[in-house]
Protein backbone atom coordinates (compact mmCIF):
# COMPACT_ATOMS: atom_id res chain seq x y z
CA MET A 1 -32.57 -23.17 -10.97
CA SER A 2 -31.61 -26.84 -10.81
CA GLU A 3 -30.65 -28.34 -7.46
CA GLN A 4 -26.96 -28.17 -6.67
CA LYS A 5 -24.92 -31.36 -6.52
CA ILE A 6 -23.35 -31.91 -3.12
CA ILE A 7 -19.59 -32.50 -2.95
CA ALA A 8 -18.49 -34.02 0.34
CA VAL A 9 -15.03 -32.71 1.22
CA ALA A 10 -12.99 -34.81 3.65
CA GLY A 11 -10.54 -32.98 5.89
CA ALA A 12 -12.23 -29.72 4.96
CA THR A 13 -10.39 -27.73 7.62
CA GLY A 14 -6.99 -29.00 6.45
CA ALA A 15 -4.72 -27.71 3.70
CA GLN A 16 -5.95 -29.86 0.80
CA GLY A 17 -9.59 -30.20 1.82
CA GLY A 18 -9.82 -26.52 2.67
CA GLY A 19 -8.47 -25.64 -0.75
CA ALA A 20 -11.05 -27.86 -2.45
CA ALA A 21 -13.90 -26.43 -0.39
CA ARG A 22 -12.86 -22.83 -1.05
CA ALA A 23 -12.44 -23.46 -4.78
CA ILE A 24 -15.98 -24.81 -5.09
CA LEU A 25 -17.48 -22.09 -2.88
CA ALA A 26 -15.75 -19.39 -4.95
CA ASP A 27 -17.73 -20.44 -8.04
CA PRO A 28 -21.44 -20.06 -7.27
CA ASP A 29 -22.34 -20.97 -10.86
CA SER A 30 -20.64 -24.39 -10.80
CA GLY A 31 -23.77 -26.28 -9.82
CA PHE A 32 -21.97 -27.74 -6.79
CA ALA A 33 -22.50 -27.24 -3.07
CA VAL A 34 -19.95 -28.07 -0.38
CA ARG A 35 -20.54 -30.42 2.52
CA ALA A 36 -17.47 -29.91 4.69
CA LEU A 37 -16.48 -32.89 6.85
CA THR A 38 -14.60 -32.12 10.04
CA ARG A 39 -14.08 -33.66 13.46
CA ASN A 40 -14.81 -30.30 15.08
CA PRO A 41 -17.56 -28.20 13.45
CA ASP A 42 -16.96 -25.45 16.03
CA SER A 43 -13.32 -24.85 15.06
CA PRO A 44 -12.43 -21.43 13.59
CA ALA A 45 -11.63 -23.05 10.21
CA ALA A 46 -15.00 -24.83 10.15
CA ARG A 47 -16.84 -21.64 11.08
CA GLU A 48 -15.02 -19.82 8.28
CA LEU A 49 -16.21 -22.39 5.74
CA ALA A 50 -19.76 -22.14 7.07
CA ALA A 51 -19.61 -18.35 6.64
CA LEU A 52 -18.59 -18.90 3.02
CA GLY A 53 -21.67 -21.07 2.45
CA ALA A 54 -20.55 -24.61 3.22
CA GLU A 55 -22.72 -27.12 5.04
CA VAL A 56 -20.43 -28.19 7.88
CA VAL A 57 -20.98 -31.67 9.31
CA GLN A 58 -19.23 -33.66 12.02
CA ALA A 59 -17.45 -36.77 10.76
CA ASP A 60 -14.56 -38.82 12.11
CA PHE A 61 -12.71 -41.54 10.19
CA TYR A 62 -12.69 -43.59 13.42
CA ASP A 63 -16.48 -43.32 13.70
CA GLU A 64 -17.48 -45.00 10.45
CA PRO A 65 -21.26 -44.37 10.77
CA SER A 66 -20.54 -40.63 10.93
CA VAL A 67 -18.74 -40.83 7.57
CA HIS A 68 -21.54 -42.85 5.97
CA LYS A 69 -24.04 -40.26 7.19
CA ALA A 70 -21.91 -37.40 5.86
CA PHE A 71 -21.86 -38.96 2.37
CA GLU A 72 -25.62 -39.61 2.19
CA GLY A 73 -27.24 -37.74 -0.69
CA ALA A 74 -23.93 -36.44 -2.03
CA TYR A 75 -23.08 -36.52 -5.74
CA GLY A 76 -19.31 -36.72 -5.30
CA ALA A 77 -16.40 -36.18 -2.96
CA PHE A 78 -12.87 -34.96 -2.56
CA LEU A 79 -11.09 -37.46 -0.34
CA VAL A 80 -7.78 -37.08 1.46
CA THR A 81 -6.16 -38.65 4.52
CA ASN A 82 -3.51 -37.05 6.75
CA PHE A 83 -0.63 -39.43 7.45
CA TRP A 84 1.20 -36.67 9.37
CA ALA A 85 -1.52 -36.61 12.05
CA HIS A 86 -0.29 -39.95 13.40
CA GLY A 87 2.63 -41.16 11.24
CA SER A 88 1.17 -44.66 10.96
CA ALA A 89 0.67 -46.52 7.69
CA GLU A 90 -1.60 -48.98 9.48
CA LYS A 91 -3.89 -46.21 10.70
CA GLU A 92 -3.96 -44.52 7.31
CA ILE A 93 -5.07 -47.69 5.52
CA GLU A 94 -7.85 -48.08 8.10
CA GLU A 95 -9.00 -44.53 7.36
CA ILE A 96 -8.93 -45.11 3.61
CA ASN A 97 -10.97 -48.30 3.95
CA VAL A 98 -13.63 -46.35 5.84
CA LEU A 99 -13.76 -43.75 3.06
CA VAL A 100 -14.01 -46.42 0.36
CA ARG A 101 -16.82 -48.26 2.13
CA ALA A 102 -18.75 -45.05 2.75
CA ALA A 103 -18.31 -43.85 -0.85
CA LYS A 104 -19.50 -47.21 -2.15
CA ALA A 105 -22.50 -47.34 0.20
CA ALA A 106 -23.56 -43.80 -0.73
CA GLY A 107 -23.33 -44.51 -4.45
CA LEU A 108 -21.16 -41.49 -5.14
CA LYS A 109 -20.96 -40.67 -8.83
CA HIS A 110 -17.46 -39.14 -8.84
CA VAL A 111 -14.68 -39.22 -6.27
CA VAL A 112 -11.38 -37.37 -6.53
CA TRP A 113 -8.88 -39.24 -4.36
CA SER A 114 -5.74 -37.32 -3.34
CA THR A 115 -3.02 -39.91 -3.68
CA LEU A 116 0.66 -40.57 -4.42
CA GLU A 117 2.75 -43.16 -6.20
CA ASP A 118 3.51 -46.49 -4.53
CA THR A 119 7.31 -46.25 -4.53
CA ARG A 120 7.67 -50.04 -4.33
CA GLU A 121 6.66 -50.30 -7.99
CA LEU A 122 10.02 -48.74 -8.95
CA LEU A 123 11.98 -49.58 -5.81
CA PRO A 124 11.41 -53.10 -4.45
CA LEU A 125 11.92 -53.40 -0.70
CA GLU A 126 14.82 -55.80 -1.23
CA ASP A 127 16.70 -53.15 -3.26
CA GLY A 128 18.51 -52.02 -0.09
CA ARG A 129 19.28 -48.44 -1.05
CA MET A 130 17.06 -47.05 1.72
CA PRO A 131 15.75 -48.43 5.03
CA VAL A 132 12.46 -50.31 5.02
CA LEU A 133 10.00 -48.50 7.28
CA GLN A 134 7.05 -49.81 9.28
CA GLU A 135 8.00 -53.33 8.15
CA ARG A 136 6.89 -53.10 4.51
CA TYR A 137 7.24 -49.61 3.07
CA ASN A 138 9.87 -47.34 1.55
CA VAL A 139 7.89 -44.14 1.99
CA PRO A 140 4.81 -45.06 4.04
CA HIS A 141 2.73 -41.97 3.26
CA PHE A 142 3.32 -42.54 -0.47
CA ASP A 143 3.05 -46.31 -0.55
CA VAL A 144 -0.15 -46.62 1.47
CA LYS A 145 -2.00 -44.13 -0.71
CA GLY A 146 -0.72 -45.73 -3.92
CA GLU A 147 -1.60 -49.20 -2.65
CA ALA A 148 -5.07 -47.97 -1.68
CA ASN A 149 -5.88 -46.86 -5.23
CA GLU A 150 -6.82 -50.47 -5.89
CA LEU A 151 -9.37 -50.39 -3.05
CA PHE A 152 -11.36 -47.74 -4.92
CA ARG A 153 -11.15 -49.75 -8.14
CA GLN A 154 -12.15 -53.03 -6.51
CA ALA A 155 -15.12 -51.37 -4.81
CA GLY A 156 -16.29 -49.94 -8.12
CA VAL A 157 -16.17 -46.36 -6.84
CA PRO A 158 -15.97 -43.96 -9.84
CA THR A 159 -12.64 -42.35 -9.02
CA THR A 160 -10.10 -39.92 -10.42
CA PHE A 161 -6.64 -40.45 -8.91
CA LEU A 162 -4.98 -37.09 -8.23
CA ASN A 163 -1.24 -37.57 -7.67
CA THR A 164 0.11 -34.71 -5.57
CA THR A 165 3.67 -33.63 -4.75
CA PHE A 166 5.89 -31.41 -2.54
CA TYR A 167 4.12 -28.21 -1.40
CA PHE A 168 5.66 -24.81 -2.14
CA GLN A 169 4.44 -24.01 1.40
CA GLY A 170 7.38 -26.10 2.66
CA PHE A 171 9.52 -22.99 2.09
CA LEU A 172 7.43 -21.19 4.73
CA SER A 173 7.95 -23.87 7.35
CA ALA A 174 10.40 -26.79 7.38
CA PHE A 175 12.61 -25.37 4.61
CA LEU A 176 12.39 -21.65 5.31
CA PRO A 177 15.72 -19.94 4.55
CA GLN A 178 17.88 -19.81 7.70
CA ARG A 179 20.93 -17.64 8.26
CA GLY A 180 24.09 -19.72 8.50
CA GLU A 181 27.05 -19.10 10.82
CA ASP A 182 28.66 -17.07 8.03
CA GLY A 183 25.59 -14.86 7.78
CA VAL A 184 24.37 -16.24 4.44
CA LEU A 185 20.73 -17.26 4.15
CA THR A 186 20.60 -20.98 3.42
CA VAL A 187 17.99 -23.55 2.41
CA THR A 188 19.03 -27.05 3.46
CA LEU A 189 17.42 -29.93 1.57
CA PRO A 190 18.18 -33.65 1.15
CA MET A 191 18.25 -33.12 -2.61
CA GLU A 192 21.05 -33.74 -5.07
CA ASP A 193 22.48 -30.89 -7.15
CA GLY A 194 20.84 -30.73 -10.56
CA LYS A 195 17.89 -32.96 -9.71
CA LEU A 196 14.42 -31.53 -10.33
CA LEU A 197 11.85 -31.30 -7.56
CA ALA A 198 8.21 -31.06 -8.62
CA GLY A 199 6.37 -28.57 -6.43
CA VAL A 200 2.83 -27.23 -6.15
CA ASP A 201 0.83 -24.63 -4.29
CA VAL A 202 -1.30 -26.74 -1.91
CA GLU A 203 -4.32 -24.61 -2.86
CA ASP A 204 -3.91 -25.86 -6.44
CA ILE A 205 -4.63 -29.40 -5.29
CA GLY A 206 -8.13 -28.32 -4.36
CA ARG A 207 -8.55 -26.10 -7.40
CA THR A 208 -7.50 -28.94 -9.71
CA ALA A 209 -9.80 -31.39 -7.92
CA PHE A 210 -12.67 -28.95 -8.48
CA ALA A 211 -11.79 -28.70 -12.18
CA VAL A 212 -11.79 -32.51 -12.42
CA LEU A 213 -15.20 -32.72 -10.75
CA LYS A 214 -16.56 -30.13 -13.20
CA GLY A 215 -15.03 -32.12 -16.06
CA GLY A 216 -17.01 -35.15 -14.95
CA ALA A 217 -17.17 -38.55 -16.64
CA PRO A 218 -14.09 -38.28 -18.92
CA PHE A 219 -11.88 -38.09 -15.81
CA ILE A 220 -13.31 -41.18 -14.09
CA GLY A 221 -10.71 -43.93 -13.92
CA GLN A 222 -7.96 -41.51 -14.95
CA THR A 223 -4.81 -40.46 -13.09
CA VAL A 224 -3.97 -36.74 -13.02
CA SER A 225 -0.41 -36.07 -11.87
CA LEU A 226 -0.08 -32.60 -10.44
CA ALA A 227 2.72 -30.02 -10.17
CA GLY A 228 3.02 -26.29 -10.69
CA ASP A 229 6.75 -26.18 -11.41
CA HIS A 230 9.84 -28.38 -11.82
CA LEU A 231 12.97 -26.75 -10.41
CA THR A 232 16.38 -27.72 -9.05
CA GLY A 233 17.39 -26.75 -5.53
CA ALA A 234 19.61 -24.02 -6.97
CA GLN A 235 16.70 -22.62 -8.98
CA TYR A 236 14.37 -22.59 -5.97
CA VAL A 237 16.87 -20.64 -3.85
CA GLU A 238 17.72 -18.22 -6.67
CA LYS A 239 14.04 -17.27 -6.85
CA LEU A 240 13.78 -17.05 -3.06
CA GLY A 241 16.82 -14.77 -3.06
CA ALA A 242 15.23 -12.45 -5.62
CA VAL A 243 12.22 -12.02 -3.34
CA LEU A 244 14.34 -11.53 -0.20
CA GLY A 245 16.72 -9.12 -1.90
CA GLU A 246 19.86 -11.07 -0.99
CA PRO A 247 21.52 -14.30 -2.09
CA VAL A 248 20.19 -17.58 -0.72
CA ARG A 249 22.48 -20.60 -0.71
CA PHE A 250 21.31 -24.11 -1.52
CA GLN A 251 22.89 -26.67 0.80
CA SER A 252 22.50 -30.29 -0.22
CA VAL A 253 22.41 -32.82 2.62
CA PRO A 254 23.10 -36.51 1.90
CA TYR A 255 20.04 -38.71 2.35
CA ASP A 256 21.67 -40.82 5.06
CA VAL A 257 22.66 -37.73 7.02
CA PHE A 258 19.13 -36.35 6.83
CA ARG A 259 17.67 -39.70 7.94
CA SER A 260 19.86 -39.55 11.06
CA LEU A 261 18.67 -36.09 12.15
CA ASP A 262 16.76 -35.73 15.40
CA ILE A 263 13.56 -34.48 13.80
CA PRO A 264 10.11 -36.14 13.56
CA LEU A 265 9.86 -38.75 10.80
CA ALA A 266 13.39 -38.01 9.55
CA GLU A 267 13.67 -41.46 7.93
CA GLU A 268 10.31 -41.02 6.20
CA LEU A 269 11.30 -37.65 4.77
CA GLY A 270 14.80 -38.79 3.86
CA ASN A 271 13.38 -41.74 1.94
CA MET A 272 10.86 -39.47 0.24
CA PHE A 273 13.54 -37.09 -1.02
CA GLN A 274 15.69 -40.00 -2.14
CA TYR A 275 12.75 -41.32 -4.15
CA TYR A 276 12.29 -37.86 -5.69
CA GLY A 277 15.99 -37.85 -6.63
CA ASP A 278 16.57 -41.45 -7.71
CA PHE A 279 13.41 -41.51 -9.82
CA ASP A 280 13.13 -37.88 -10.89
CA GLN A 281 12.57 -38.79 -14.54
CA GLU A 282 9.68 -41.07 -13.63
CA PHE A 283 8.18 -38.94 -10.84
CA THR A 284 8.75 -35.42 -12.14
CA GLY A 285 8.45 -36.62 -15.73
CA SER A 286 4.93 -37.89 -15.15
CA ARG A 287 3.82 -34.40 -14.10
CA ASP A 288 3.28 -32.66 -17.43
CA LEU A 289 2.87 -28.98 -16.55
CA ASN A 290 1.20 -28.09 -19.84
CA LYS A 291 -1.25 -30.96 -19.53
CA VAL A 292 -2.20 -30.02 -15.96
CA ARG A 293 -2.68 -26.39 -17.00
CA GLU A 294 -5.20 -27.55 -19.58
CA ILE A 295 -7.27 -28.82 -16.65
CA ASN A 296 -6.49 -25.95 -14.27
CA PRO A 297 -5.35 -22.89 -16.26
CA ALA A 298 -4.83 -20.93 -13.02
CA LEU A 299 -2.20 -23.42 -11.77
CA LYS A 300 0.51 -21.40 -10.05
CA SER A 301 4.18 -21.52 -10.95
CA PHE A 302 6.72 -21.06 -8.15
CA ASP A 303 7.22 -17.45 -9.31
CA ALA A 304 3.48 -16.75 -9.06
CA TRP A 305 3.29 -18.40 -5.64
CA LEU A 306 6.32 -16.42 -4.44
CA ALA A 307 4.76 -13.14 -5.58
CA GLU A 308 1.69 -13.88 -3.47
CA ASN A 309 3.70 -15.02 -0.43
CA ALA A 310 6.63 -12.62 -0.46
CA SER A 311 5.56 -10.89 2.76
CA LYS A 312 5.33 -14.22 4.63
CA ILE A 313 8.79 -15.28 3.42
CA LYS A 314 10.29 -11.93 4.45
CA ALA A 315 8.59 -12.14 7.85
CA GLY A 316 10.02 -15.63 8.37
């Protein structure tokens, strides 16, 4: 049997990295092995990956030598950064630079970089329709990743750019149906009536990344824009209601109202949803569901995701 190619998975105990690691480990005939990067190899999530067959190694984006060491001898990598851990565009670009330098130094043959559009390409900062955040961004966690795509290109790292989107898992947390004062279950979103929101099962990010790595050279230099479904707010809640066995109301909140809420990163999220809405044809339109399913035939629709998560939604 030929030696397996090592795939270094950044953030392997997180949502995206964990999905990528599990997808690779679930296919013992792929020719790939997982090297799971984590700050804490003794965490329950890290131990779970080790039990599944991953090589778990300690690596921290703020300890650059540890990242270089983790990439040594690897064939490729799935790379992702977590803006939500600190909420700082400046910190995220530092992390990405570390990943780029380490990938270049290790001579990786194929990197899948989990990224997003730079909103400033369609919405210049001087446009004025939304507040400028952290001095030079519309949606920092989008713009930094999109801006950083060029770092991979300039460094000559063989990269596939995987554009992600809103997670269906949001309906289990921030946007879980809540019972209103009138007793009606309600999902409140800063989303205009009739506008489409591209959504995806977060596990499908990892599964699609794995499919891209298996596909190899033809994907290098390409952008794959990912979604599992395109639905309006009304369509999302209709499907949630069918699972819950009672009507769920969609309540649209104006972007400015949402930005003023006393919740963490309200402006960031308000700007994000406004970008989804104002540029739905460009953003949602670039995510061709049929094309993505050619790469990952198991890509879940919202209906399929709901069927698997019905008990969690009911428990919420």
